[in-house]
Amino acid sequence: MANWLNVLREKNELATVLGKKIPRMLAHESLSLEQMSELYKFLESHAHSMEEIRSEMEGEDLPESYYQVAEDLDLIFTDLAASAAERLRDMRAGPTGPCTG
């Protein structure tokens, strides 16, 4: 049995740091497509990890607050990954501007 309190604390610490840093990183114009792709993969792996943690926790008799924290963390990582995916999509689409046809 995992020590869910420690797992959630570690994920919370990471989410706090990433929640502050990722928006600034996404705003950097100098971020390369390769860097953006790696950032997206990193965030997506943490979002997937939180889904797995929530799934594993379902079989445990834990305080309701643990489940709520896990759900909140899942949403944070999912939102960060979605933001990175959007920026990656925009970068792959290339610069857009007015058509001068």
PDB file of N, CA and C in Angstrom:
ATOM      1  N   MET A   1       0.851  -1.186   0.000  1.00  0.00           N
ATOM      2  CA  MET A   1       0.000   0.000   0.000  1.00  0.00           C
ATOM      3  C   MET A   1       0.891   1.243   0.000  1.00  0.00           C
ATOM      4  N   ALA A   2       0.566   2.152  -0.866  1.00  0.00           N
ATOM      5  CA  ALA A   2       1.338   3.389  -0.985  1.00  0.00           C
ATOM      6  C   ALA A   2       1.015   4.319   0.178  1.00  0.00           C
ATOM      7  N   ASN A   3       1.966   5.147   0.503  1.00  0.00           N
ATOM      8  CA  ASN A   3       1.703   6.211   1.474  1.00  0.00           C
ATOM      9  C   ASN A   3       1.128   7.375   0.674  1.00  0.00           C
ATOM     10  N   TRP A   4      -0.188   7.399   0.553  1.00  0.00           N
ATOM     11  CA  TRP A   4      -0.862   8.352  -0.324  1.00  0.00           C
ATOM     12  C   TRP A   4      -0.644   9.793   0.105  1.00  0.00           C
ATOM     13  N   LEU A   5      -0.501  10.026   1.380  1.00  0.00           N
ATOM     14  CA  LEU A   5      -0.266  11.394   1.840  1.00  0.00           C
ATOM     15  C   LEU A   5       1.057  11.911   1.276  1.00  0.00           C
ATOM     16  N   ASN A   6       2.103  11.087   1.336  1.00  0.00           N
ATOM     17  CA  ASN A   6       3.400  11.501   0.786  1.00  0.00           C
ATOM     18  C   ASN A   6       3.340  11.660  -0.726  1.00  0.00           C
ATOM     19  N   VAL A   7       2.665  10.746  -1.402  1.00  0.00           N
ATOM     20  CA  VAL A   7       2.527  10.829  -2.857  1.00  0.00           C
ATOM     21  C   VAL A   7       1.836  12.135  -3.237  1.00  0.00           C
ATOM     22  N   LEU A   8       0.751  12.454  -2.550  1.00  0.00           N
ATOM     23  CA  LEU A   8      -0.002  13.669  -2.859  1.00  0.00           C
ATOM     24  C   LEU A   8       0.791  14.926  -2.512  1.00  0.00           C
ATOM     25  N   ARG A   9       1.547  14.873  -1.438  1.00  0.00           N
ATOM     26  CA  ARG A   9       2.386  16.029  -1.080  1.00  0.00           C
ATOM     27  C   ARG A   9       3.429  16.296  -2.156  1.00  0.00           C
ATOM     28  N   GLU A  10       4.088  15.237  -2.614  1.00  0.00           N
ATOM     29  CA  GLU A  10       5.116  15.385  -3.653  1.00  0.00           C
ATOM     30  C   GLU A  10       4.515  15.937  -4.941  1.00  0.00           C
ATOM     31  N   LYS A  11       3.388  15.396  -5.336  1.00  0.00           N
ATOM     32  CA  LYS A  11       2.731  15.876  -6.553  1.00  0.00           C
ATOM     33  C   LYS A  11       2.253  17.320  -6.382  1.00  0.00           C
ATOM     34  N   ASN A  12       1.804  17.661  -5.174  1.00  0.00           N
ATOM     35  CA  ASN A  12       1.359  19.026  -4.918  1.00  0.00           C
ATOM     36  C   ASN A  12       2.525  20.010  -5.024  1.00  0.00           C
ATOM     37  N   GLU A  13       3.678  19.622  -4.477  1.00  0.00           N
ATOM     38  CA  GLU A  13       4.857  20.483  -4.570  1.00  0.00           C
ATOM     39  C   GLU A  13       5.241  20.703  -6.030  1.00  0.00           C
ATOM     40  N   LEU A  14       5.223  19.641  -6.813  1.00  0.00           N
ATOM     41  CA  LEU A  14       5.551  19.750  -8.226  1.00  0.00           C
ATOM     42  C   LEU A  14       4.523  20.615  -8.958  1.00  0.00           C
ATOM     43  N   ALA A  15       3.253  20.401  -8.678  1.00  0.00           N
ATOM     44  CA  ALA A  15       2.198  21.191  -9.329  1.00  0.00           C
ATOM     45  C   ALA A  15       2.324  22.670  -8.982  1.00  0.00           C
ATOM     46  N   THR A  16       2.715  22.971  -7.761  1.00  0.00           N
ATOM     47  CA  THR A  16       2.883  24.364  -7.348  1.00  0.00           C
ATOM     48  C   THR A  16       4.002  25.027  -8.142  1.00  0.00           C
ATOM     49  N   VAL A  17       5.118  24.344  -8.251  1.00  0.00           N
ATOM     50  CA  VAL A  17       6.264  24.885  -9.006  1.00  0.00           C
ATOM     51  C   VAL A  17       5.899  25.022 -10.484  1.00  0.00           C
ATOM     52  N   LEU A  18       5.354  23.970 -11.054  1.00  0.00           N
ATOM     53  CA  LEU A  18       5.023  24.000 -12.480  1.00  0.00           C
ATOM     54  C   LEU A  18       3.932  25.013 -12.784  1.00  0.00           C
ATOM     55  N   GLY A  19       2.988  25.147 -11.877  1.00  0.00           N
ATOM     56  CA  GLY A  19       1.908  26.111 -12.079  1.00  0.00           C
ATOM     57  C   GLY A  19       2.412  27.539 -12.172  1.00  0.00           C
ATOM     58  N   LYS A  20       3.550  27.812 -11.567  1.00  0.00           N
ATOM     59  CA  LYS A  20       4.157  29.139 -11.646  1.00  0.00           C
ATOM     60  C   LYS A  20       5.064  29.275 -12.863  1.00  0.00           C
ATOM     61  N   LYS A  21       5.811  28.210 -13.175  1.00  0.00           N
ATOM     62  CA  LYS A  21       6.825  28.290 -14.229  1.00  0.00           C
ATOM     63  C   LYS A  21       6.289  28.059 -15.635  1.00  0.00           C
ATOM     64  N   ILE A  22       5.372  27.141 -15.782  1.00  0.00           N
ATOM     65  CA  ILE A  22       4.925  26.752 -17.123  1.00  0.00           C
ATOM     66  C   ILE A  22       4.286  27.908 -17.882  1.00  0.00           C
ATOM     67  N   PRO A  23       3.396  28.696 -17.288  1.00  0.00           N
ATOM     68  CA  PRO A  23       2.829  29.811 -18.054  1.00  0.00           C
ATOM     69  C   PRO A  23       3.900  30.778 -18.576  1.00  0.00           C
ATOM     70  N   ARG A  24       4.926  31.013 -17.773  1.00  0.00           N
ATOM     71  CA  ARG A  24       6.023  31.886 -18.228  1.00  0.00           C
ATOM     72  C   ARG A  24       6.804  31.224 -19.359  1.00  0.00           C
ATOM     73  N   MET A  25       7.023  29.924 -19.239  1.00  0.00           N
ATOM     74  CA  MET A  25       7.756  29.211 -20.281  1.00  0.00           C
ATOM     75  C   MET A  25       6.973  29.227 -21.597  1.00  0.00           C
ATOM     76  N   LEU A  26       5.679  29.035 -21.518  1.00  0.00           N
ATOM     77  CA  LEU A  26       4.849  29.009 -22.721  1.00  0.00           C
ATOM     78  C   LEU A  26       4.815  30.365 -23.416  1.00  0.00           C
ATOM     79  N   ALA A  27       5.039  31.415 -22.664  1.00  0.00           N
ATOM     80  CA  ALA A  27       5.005  32.765 -23.224  1.00  0.00           C
ATOM     81  C   ALA A  27       6.302  33.137 -23.944  1.00  0.00           C
ATOM     82  N   HIS A  28       7.359  32.363 -23.739  1.00  0.00           N
ATOM     83  CA  HIS A  28       8.648  32.670 -24.372  1.00  0.00           C
ATOM     84  C   HIS A  28       8.568  32.424 -25.872  1.00  0.00           C
ATOM     85  N   GLU A  29       8.823  33.468 -26.623  1.00  0.00           N
ATOM     86  CA  GLU A  29       8.820  33.348 -28.082  1.00  0.00           C
ATOM     87  C   GLU A  29      10.011  32.538 -28.581  1.00  0.00           C
ATOM     88  N   SER A  30      11.092  32.509 -27.828  1.00  0.00           N
ATOM     89  CA  SER A  30      12.304  31.830 -28.281  1.00  0.00           C
ATOM     90  C   SER A  30      12.266  30.318 -28.061  1.00  0.00           C
ATOM     91  N   LEU A  31      11.201  29.804 -27.509  1.00  0.00           N
ATOM     92  CA  LEU A  31      11.066  28.367 -27.279  1.00  0.00           C
ATOM     93  C   LEU A  31      10.996  27.649 -28.622  1.00  0.00           C
ATOM     94  N   SER A  32      11.869  26.668 -28.814  1.00  0.00           N
ATOM     95  CA  SER A  32      11.885  25.939 -30.087  1.00  0.00           C
ATOM     96  C   SER A  32      10.761  24.901 -30.117  1.00  0.00           C
ATOM     97  N   LEU A  33      10.460  24.435 -31.305  1.00  0.00           N
ATOM     98  CA  LEU A  33       9.447  23.403 -31.472  1.00  0.00           C
ATOM     99  C   LEU A  33       9.846  22.138 -30.718  1.00  0.00           C
ATOM    100  N   GLU A  34      11.126  21.796 -30.772  1.00  0.00           N
ATOM    101  CA  GLU A  34      11.616  20.610 -30.060  1.00  0.00           C
ATOM    102  C   GLU A  34      11.464  20.789 -28.548  1.00  0.00           C
ATOM    103  N   GLN A  35      11.818  21.954 -28.023  1.00  0.00           N
ATOM    104  CA  GLN A  35      11.675  22.220 -26.587  1.00  0.00           C
ATOM    105  C   GLN A  35      10.211  22.165 -26.180  1.00  0.00           C
ATOM    106  N   MET A  36       9.353  22.742 -27.016  1.00  0.00           N
ATOM    107  CA  MET A  36       7.922  22.747 -26.710  1.00  0.00           C
ATOM    108  C   MET A  36       7.371  21.334 -26.723  1.00  0.00           C
ATOM    109  N   SER A  37       7.825  20.525 -27.653  1.00  0.00           N
ATOM    110  CA  SER A  37       7.379  19.143 -27.737  1.00  0.00           C
ATOM    111  C   SER A  37       7.795  18.365 -26.492  1.00  0.00           C
ATOM    112  N   GLU A  38       9.031  18.564 -26.043  1.00  0.00           N
ATOM    113  CA  GLU A  38       9.522  17.893 -24.835  1.00  0.00           C
ATOM    114  C   GLU A  38       8.752  18.355 -23.601  1.00  0.00           C
ATOM    115  N   LEU A  39       8.465  19.630 -23.529  1.00  0.00           N
ATOM    116  CA  LEU A  39       7.695  20.169 -22.403  1.00  0.00           C
ATOM    117  C   LEU A  39       6.297  19.555 -22.378  1.00  0.00           C
ATOM    118  N   TYR A  40       5.675  19.466 -23.544  1.00  0.00           N
ATOM    119  CA  TYR A  40       4.354  18.858 -23.627  1.00  0.00           C
ATOM    120  C   TYR A  40       4.398  17.400 -23.161  1.00  0.00           C
ATOM    121  N   LYS A  41       5.380  16.635 -23.635  1.00  0.00           N
ATOM    122  CA  LYS A  41       5.498  15.226 -23.238  1.00  0.00           C
ATOM    123  C   LYS A  41       5.678  15.102 -21.727  1.00  0.00           C
ATOM    124  N   PHE A  42       6.496  15.977 -21.160  1.00  0.00           N
ATOM    125  CA  PHE A  42       6.732  15.987 -19.714  1.00  0.00           C
ATOM    126  C   PHE A  42       5.428  16.224 -18.958  1.00  0.00           C
ATOM    127  N   LEU A  43       4.682  17.236 -19.367  1.00  0.00           N
ATOM    128  CA  LEU A  43       3.429  17.565 -18.678  1.00  0.00           C
ATOM    129  C   LEU A  43       2.380  16.481 -18.887  1.00  0.00           C
ATOM    130  N   GLU A  44       2.312  15.954 -20.080  1.00  0.00           N
ATOM    131  CA  GLU A  44       1.352  14.891 -20.370  1.00  0.00           C
ATOM    132  C   GLU A  44       1.650  13.653 -19.528  1.00  0.00           C
ATOM    133  N   SER A  45       2.940  13.357 -19.310  1.00  0.00           N
ATOM    134  CA  SER A  45       3.285  12.189 -18.488  1.00  0.00           C
ATOM    135  C   SER A  45       2.839  12.391 -17.043  1.00  0.00           C
ATOM    136  N   HIS A  46       2.934  13.615 -16.546  1.00  0.00           N
ATOM    137  CA  HIS A  46       2.474  13.879 -15.179  1.00  0.00           C
ATOM    138  C   HIS A  46       0.949  13.841 -15.090  1.00  0.00           C
ATOM    139  N   ALA A  47       0.276  14.300 -16.124  1.00  0.00           N
ATOM    140  CA  ALA A  47      -1.188  14.207 -16.148  1.00  0.00           C
ATOM    141  C   ALA A  47      -1.605  12.731 -16.146  1.00  0.00           C
ATOM    142  N   HIS A  48      -0.927  11.929 -16.953  1.00  0.00           N
ATOM    143  CA  HIS A  48      -1.232  10.495 -17.000  1.00  0.00           C
ATOM    144  C   HIS A  48      -0.917   9.835 -15.655  1.00  0.00           C
ATOM    145  N   SER A  49       0.170  10.235 -15.042  1.00  0.00           N
ATOM    146  CA  SER A  49       0.552   9.705 -13.734  1.00  0.00           C
ATOM    147  C   SER A  49      -0.530   9.977 -12.693  1.00  0.00           C
ATOM    148  N   MET A  50      -1.096  11.181 -12.735  1.00  0.00           N
ATOM    149  CA  MET A  50      -2.157  11.513 -11.770  1.00  0.00           C
ATOM    150  C   MET A  50      -3.403  10.667 -12.020  1.00  0.00           C
ATOM    151  N   GLU A  51      -3.702  10.376 -13.272  1.00  0.00           N
ATOM    152  CA  GLU A  51      -4.839   9.498 -13.574  1.00  0.00           C
ATOM    153  C   GLU A  51      -4.603   8.111 -12.973  1.00  0.00           C
ATOM    154  N   GLU A  52      -3.375   7.621 -13.101  1.00  0.00           N
ATOM    155  CA  GLU A  52      -3.043   6.313 -12.539  1.00  0.00           C
ATOM    156  C   GLU A  52      -3.118   6.329 -11.019  1.00  0.00           C
ATOM    157  N   ILE A  53      -2.634   7.389 -10.409  1.00  0.00           N
ATOM    158  CA  ILE A  53      -2.690   7.513  -8.949  1.00  0.00           C
ATOM    159  C   ILE A  53      -4.134   7.508  -8.486  1.00  0.00           C
ATOM    160  N   ARG A  54      -4.972   8.297  -9.145  1.00  0.00           N
ATOM    161  CA  ARG A  54      -6.397   8.333  -8.773  1.00  0.00           C
ATOM    162  C   ARG A  54      -7.031   6.952  -8.911  1.00  0.00           C
ATOM    163  N   SER A  55      -6.679   6.245  -9.954  1.00  0.00           N
ATOM    164  CA  SER A  55      -7.221   4.912 -10.179  1.00  0.00           C
ATOM    165  C   SER A  55      -6.792   3.954  -9.066  1.00  0.00           C
ATOM    166  N   GLU A  56      -5.522   4.018  -8.699  1.00  0.00           N
ATOM    167  CA  GLU A  56      -5.012   3.159  -7.622  1.00  0.00           C
ATOM    168  C   GLU A  56      -5.648   3.507  -6.278  1.00  0.00           C
ATOM    169  N   MET A  57      -5.905   4.782  -6.057  1.00  0.00           N
ATOM    170  CA  MET A  57      -6.488   5.213  -4.788  1.00  0.00           C
ATOM    171  C   MET A  57      -7.932   4.744  -4.615  1.00  0.00           C
ATOM    172  N   GLU A  58      -8.622   4.520  -5.734  1.00  0.00           N
ATOM    173  CA  GLU A  58     -10.038   4.151  -5.670  1.00  0.00           C
ATOM    174  C   GLU A  58     -10.280   2.891  -4.852  1.00  0.00           C
ATOM    175  N   GLY A  59      -9.332   1.982  -4.844  1.00  0.00           N
ATOM    176  CA  GLY A  59      -9.505   0.744  -4.102  1.00  0.00           C
ATOM    177  C   GLY A  59      -9.177   0.858  -2.627  1.00  0.00           C
ATOM    178  N   GLU A  60      -8.767   2.015  -2.190  1.00  0.00           N
ATOM    179  CA  GLU A  60      -8.351   2.226  -0.803  1.00  0.00           C
ATOM    180  C   GLU A  60      -9.450   2.915   0.008  1.00  0.00           C
ATOM    181  N   ASP A  61      -9.446   2.666   1.290  1.00  0.00           N
ATOM    182  CA  ASP A  61     -10.361   3.342   2.204  1.00  0.00           C
ATOM    183  C   ASP A  61      -9.621   4.549   2.781  1.00  0.00           C
ATOM    184  N   LEU A  62      -9.721   5.678   2.072  1.00  0.00           N
ATOM    185  CA  LEU A  62      -8.981   6.885   2.438  1.00  0.00           C
ATOM    186  C   LEU A  62      -9.936   8.008   2.797  1.00  0.00           C
ATOM    187  N   PRO A  63      -9.450   9.002   3.523  1.00  0.00           N
ATOM    188  CA  PRO A  63     -10.291  10.168   3.790  1.00  0.00           C
ATOM    189  C   PRO A  63     -10.717  10.825   2.471  1.00  0.00           C
ATOM    190  N   GLU A  64     -11.899  11.349   2.448  1.00  0.00           N
ATOM    191  CA  GLU A  64     -12.427  12.007   1.248  1.00  0.00           C
ATOM    192  C   GLU A  64     -11.516  13.127   0.757  1.00  0.00           C
ATOM    193  N   SER A  65     -10.848  13.800   1.672  1.00  0.00           N
ATOM    194  CA  SER A  65      -9.965  14.906   1.288  1.00  0.00           C
ATOM    195  C   SER A  65      -8.828  14.429   0.385  1.00  0.00           C
ATOM    196  N   TYR A  66      -8.360  13.207   0.554  1.00  0.00           N
ATOM    197  CA  TYR A  66      -7.301  12.667  -0.301  1.00  0.00           C
ATOM    198  C   TYR A  66      -7.784  12.579  -1.750  1.00  0.00           C
ATOM    199  N   TYR A  67      -9.015  12.094  -1.904  1.00  0.00           N
ATOM    200  CA  TYR A  67      -9.577  11.966  -3.247  1.00  0.00           C
ATOM    201  C   TYR A  67      -9.765  13.340  -3.887  1.00  0.00           C
ATOM    202  N   GLN A  68     -10.169  14.312  -3.095  1.00  0.00           N
ATOM    203  CA  GLN A  68     -10.367  15.660  -3.618  1.00  0.00           C
ATOM    204  C   GLN A  68      -9.042  16.275  -4.047  1.00  0.00           C
ATOM    205  N   VAL A  69      -8.016  16.098  -3.241  1.00  0.00           N
ATOM    206  CA  VAL A  69      -6.688  16.619  -3.589  1.00  0.00           C
ATOM    207  C   VAL A  69      -6.189  15.949  -4.867  1.00  0.00           C
ATOM    208  N   ALA A  70      -6.351  14.650  -4.966  1.00  0.00           N
ATOM    209  CA  ALA A  70      -5.916  13.932  -6.165  1.00  0.00           C
ATOM    210  C   ALA A  70      -6.660  14.436  -7.397  1.00  0.00           C
ATOM    211  N   GLU A  71      -7.944  14.679  -7.265  1.00  0.00           N
ATOM    212  CA  GLU A  71      -8.731  15.203  -8.386  1.00  0.00           C
ATOM    213  C   GLU A  71      -8.254  16.600  -8.775  1.00  0.00           C
ATOM    214  N   ASP A  72      -8.017  17.439  -7.776  1.00  0.00           N
ATOM    215  CA  ASP A  72      -7.524  18.796  -8.051  1.00  0.00           C
ATOM    216  C   ASP A  72      -6.168  18.763  -8.751  1.00  0.00           C
ATOM    217  N   LEU A  73      -5.271  17.905  -8.283  1.00  0.00           N
ATOM    218  CA  LEU A  73      -3.952  17.791  -8.903  1.00  0.00           C
ATOM    219  C   LEU A  73      -4.059  17.256 -10.327  1.00  0.00           C
ATOM    220  N   ASP A  74      -4.950  16.316 -10.528  1.00  0.00           N
ATOM    221  CA  ASP A  74      -5.177  15.783 -11.867  1.00  0.00           C
ATOM    222  C   ASP A  74      -5.607  16.908 -12.805  1.00  0.00           C
ATOM    223  N   LEU A  75      -6.509  17.749 -12.342  1.00  0.00           N
ATOM    224  CA  LEU A  75      -6.972  18.880 -13.158  1.00  0.00           C
ATOM    225  C   LEU A  75      -5.844  19.866 -13.453  1.00  0.00           C
ATOM    226  N   ILE A  76      -5.011  20.130 -12.470  1.00  0.00           N
ATOM    227  CA  ILE A  76      -3.886  21.060 -12.674  1.00  0.00           C
ATOM    228  C   ILE A  76      -2.948  20.526 -13.747  1.00  0.00           C
ATOM    229  N   PHE A  77      -2.520  19.274 -13.607  1.00  0.00           N
ATOM    230  CA  PHE A  77      -1.596  18.697 -14.595  1.00  0.00           C
ATOM    231  C   PHE A  77      -2.243  18.589 -15.971  1.00  0.00           C
ATOM    232  N   THR A  78      -3.518  18.247 -16.010  1.00  0.00           N
ATOM    233  CA  THR A  78      -4.230  18.157 -17.289  1.00  0.00           C
ATOM    234  C   THR A  78      -4.325  19.531 -17.950  1.00  0.00           C
ATOM    235  N   ASP A  79      -4.621  20.563 -17.161  1.00  0.00           N
ATOM    236  CA  ASP A  79      -4.701  21.923 -17.709  1.00  0.00           C
ATOM    237  C   ASP A  79      -3.347  22.408 -18.216  1.00  0.00           C
ATOM    238  N   LEU A  80      -2.286  22.117 -17.478  1.00  0.00           N
ATOM    239  CA  LEU A  80      -0.947  22.509 -17.919  1.00  0.00           C
ATOM    240  C   LEU A  80      -0.581  21.802 -19.224  1.00  0.00           C
ATOM    241  N   ALA A  81      -0.887  20.506 -19.304  1.00  0.00           N
ATOM    242  CA  ALA A  81      -0.604  19.756 -20.527  1.00  0.00           C
ATOM    243  C   ALA A  81      -1.433  20.290 -21.690  1.00  0.00           C
ATOM    244  N   ALA A  82      -2.675  20.652 -21.430  1.00  0.00           N
ATOM    245  CA  ALA A  82      -3.531  21.203 -22.494  1.00  0.00           C
ATOM    246  C   ALA A  82      -2.998  22.543 -22.985  1.00  0.00           C
ATOM    247  N   SER A  83      -2.510  23.365 -22.081  1.00  0.00           N
ATOM    248  CA  SER A  83      -1.920  24.647 -22.478  1.00  0.00           C
ATOM    249  C   SER A  83      -0.687  24.441 -23.344  1.00  0.00           C
ATOM    250  N   ALA A  84       0.126  23.476 -22.954  1.00  0.00           N
ATOM    251  CA  ALA A  84       1.323  23.166 -23.742  1.00  0.00           C
ATOM    252  C   ALA A  84       0.925  22.600 -25.108  1.00  0.00           C
ATOM    253  N   ALA A  85      -0.088  21.765 -25.152  1.00  0.00           N
ATOM    254  CA  ALA A  85      -0.555  21.194 -26.419  1.00  0.00           C
ATOM    255  C   ALA A  85      -1.055  22.290 -27.346  1.00  0.00           C
ATOM    256  N   GLU A  86      -1.755  23.265 -26.786  1.00  0.00           N
ATOM    257  CA  GLU A  86      -2.263  24.377 -27.590  1.00  0.00           C
ATOM    258  C   GLU A  86      -1.112  25.198 -28.168  1.00  0.00           C
ATOM    259  N   ARG A  87      -0.125  25.478 -27.338  1.00  0.00           N
ATOM    260  CA  ARG A  87       1.035  26.240 -27.820  1.00  0.00           C
ATOM    261  C   ARG A  87       1.795  25.448 -28.871  1.00  0.00           C
ATOM    262  N   LEU A  88       1.939  24.146 -28.669  1.00  0.00           N
ATOM    263  CA  LEU A  88       2.621  23.292 -29.638  1.00  0.00           C
ATOM    264  C   LEU A  88       1.863  23.281 -30.962  1.00  0.00           C
ATOM    265  N   ARG A  89       0.568  23.178 -30.891  1.00  0.00           N
ATOM    266  CA  ARG A  89      -0.258  23.204 -32.103  1.00  0.00           C
ATOM    267  C   ARG A  89      -0.061  24.522 -32.848  1.00  0.00           C
ATOM    268  N   ASP A  90      -0.074  25.622 -32.111  1.00  0.00           N
ATOM    269  CA  ASP A  90       0.123  26.937 -32.721  1.00  0.00           C
ATOM    270  C   ASP A  90       1.500  27.045 -33.371  1.00  0.00           C
ATOM    271  N   MET A  91       2.505  26.513 -32.711  1.00  0.00           N
ATOM    272  CA  MET A  91       3.857  26.564 -33.263  1.00  0.00           C
ATOM    273  C   MET A  91       3.959  25.733 -34.539  1.00  0.00           C
ATOM    274  N   ARG A  92       3.312  24.589 -34.554  1.00  0.00           N
ATOM    275  CA  ARG A  92       3.360  23.723 -35.739  1.00  0.00           C
ATOM    276  C   ARG A  92       2.603  24.352 -36.906  1.00  0.00           C
ATOM    277  N   ALA A  93       1.572  25.141 -36.583  1.00  0.00           N
ATOM    278  CA  ALA A  93       0.777  25.795 -37.624  1.00  0.00           C
ATOM    279  C   ALA A  93       1.576  26.914 -38.281  1.00  0.00           C
ATOM    280  N   GLY A  94       2.548  27.431 -37.567  1.00  0.00           N
ATOM    281  CA  GLY A  94       3.378  28.501 -38.103  1.00  0.00           C
ATOM    282  C   GLY A  94       2.751  29.861 -37.869  1.00  0.00           C
ATOM    283  N   PRO A  95       3.494  30.887 -38.234  1.00  0.00           N
ATOM    284  CA  PRO A  95       2.991  32.240 -38.006  1.00  0.00           C
ATOM    285  C   PRO A  95       1.782  32.506 -38.895  1.00  0.00           C
ATOM    286  N   THR A  96       0.839  33.179 -38.300  1.00  0.00           N
ATOM    287  CA  THR A  96      -0.360  33.559 -39.053  1.00  0.00           C
ATOM    288  C   THR A  96      -0.439  35.057 -39.092  1.00  0.00           C
ATOM    289  N   GLY A  97      -0.887  35.536 -40.134  1.00  0.00           N
ATOM    290  CA  GLY A  97      -1.003  36.981 -40.289  1.00  0.00           C
ATOM    291  C   GLY A  97      -2.013  37.280 -41.362  1.00  0.00           C
ATOM    292  N   PRO A  98      -2.212  38.542 -41.633  1.00  0.00           N
ATOM    293  CA  PRO A  98      -3.208  38.891 -42.646  1.00  0.00           C
ATOM    294  C   PRO A  98      -2.755  38.434 -44.030  1.00  0.00           C
ATOM    295  N   CYS A  99      -3.686  37.947 -44.789  1.00  0.00           N
ATOM    296  CA  CYS A  99      -3.387  37.498 -46.156  1.00  0.00           C
ATOM    297  C   CYS A  99      -3.272  38.727 -47.050  1.00  0.00           C
ATOM    298  N   THR A 100      -2.256  38.713 -47.868  1.00  0.00           N
ATOM    299  CA  THR A 100      -2.076  39.832 -48.803  1.00  0.00           C
ATOM    300  C   THR A 100      -2.183  39.299 -50.210  1.00  0.00           C
ATOM    301  N   GLY A 101      -3.369  38.853 -50.570  1.00  0.00           N
ATOM    302  CA  GLY A 101      -3.557  38.183 -51.836  1.00  0.00           C
ATOM    303  C   GLY A 101      -3.904  39.085 -52.882  1.00  0.00           C
TER     304      GLY A 101
END
